[in-house]
Amino acid sequence: MLFLMLSIALTAGIGFYFYRNKQNNSRLQQQFNQVIGLRQLIHLLRFHRRKTHWVLSHPHTENHDKALNESLAIQSLIKTLLSQADLAHKPMYRILMKRITVLLDEWPHYSLRRNQVCHGKTIRHVMYLIDDTITQSLLCAEKDPQFKHYQTIWPIVLNAIDSLSRFRYSIENYRPKLVNNHQRELALHANIINRRMKQIAHLNHRAISHLQLDELRAEFDVIPLQDNDLTNNKERLYQYSLKLSDTIYLLFDMVLVDIAEELSVHLPPIPNKSVQNTVIKLNTN
C-alpha cells in the first residue's frame, strides 16, 4: 500500500513538473513572439528611414511614392503587437503606436536631421520594449547567468547606437573649411563605435570577428575628407554610417538568437531581403 501511494505521488510529481515546464515554455515562446514582431518592426523602421531620407534628399524628383509600402507594413505590425501585448505593457505599445503614426504622417515635412532623429527615437523605443521582454523572460526562466550576461551587453549596444547618432550629426556639420577639426571628430566617433562593436563581439557567443570590424573601420580612412567635394564626401560618410548601423544591429540580433537558444524558444532568421542588401544611395546636398 505504501509503495502504491509513493508511486502515485511520484507519478503526480513528475506529471506536474512536465506540465509546469510546458506552461513555462509556452509563456516564453509567447513572450518571444513579441520579440520577433518588435525585431521585424525595427527592420522595417530602419528601411523606412533610409527610403524617406532618399525622398527628402530629392525634393524636386517626380513620381516618388511618399506613402511608401513600408508604412502599411509598419502600421499593420504595430496594431498586431499592441493587440498581443500583455496588460502591463499595453501603455508603452500605445505610446509607440502614437509616435509611429505621427512619424508616418509627418515625415514629408521633416528636415533630413529631424527625420533621422525621429526615426532614431522610435527605434530606440522599440529596443526598450525588446529589452523589457528579454529581461522578464530570463528572470522568469531563472536564467541568472544569462541575465547577468545580457545586462552586460545591453548598455554597450545602447552606447554604440548613441555614438552612431553623434557620428551622423558630425556628418551633417561637416564643412571643407573646418575639415581638420571635423575629420578628428568623425574619426573619434568611428573609433568609439568600433571599440563598442568589438566589446559586443567579444561577449557574444556567435559574433563577427575583430578582423572584420577592423576592416570596416579601415573603410573610413580611405574617404578623401581633405577634398573639397562636399557632396561626394557626405554621401560616402553616410554610406559608411549605414554599414556601421547594419553591423551594430546584426550584433544585437546575434545576442537575441543566443538568448532564444538558451531558453529553447524559436527565433526565425531575419528576412533574406535584409536592410544591408537594400542600401539606398543618398544625396546629401
Foldseek 3Di string as FASTA:
>chain_A
DVVVVVVVVVVVVVVVVVVVLVVLLVVLQLLVVLVLLLLVLLQLLVLVLQLLLQCLQCVPDPDDPLLDPSLVVNLVSLVVSLVSDDPVCNVLSVVLNVLSVCLSPCSNVDHNLVSVVSSLVSNVSSVVSSVVSLLVSCVVVVVVVLNVLVVVLVVLLVVLSVLLNQLLVLLLVDALVCLVVSLVVNLVSLVSNLVSLVVLQVSFPDADDNVVSVVLSVQSVPQPSNDRPSFVSSQSSVVSSVVSVVRSSVSVVSSVVVSCVVSVYDRDDDDPCGPVVVRDRHGDD
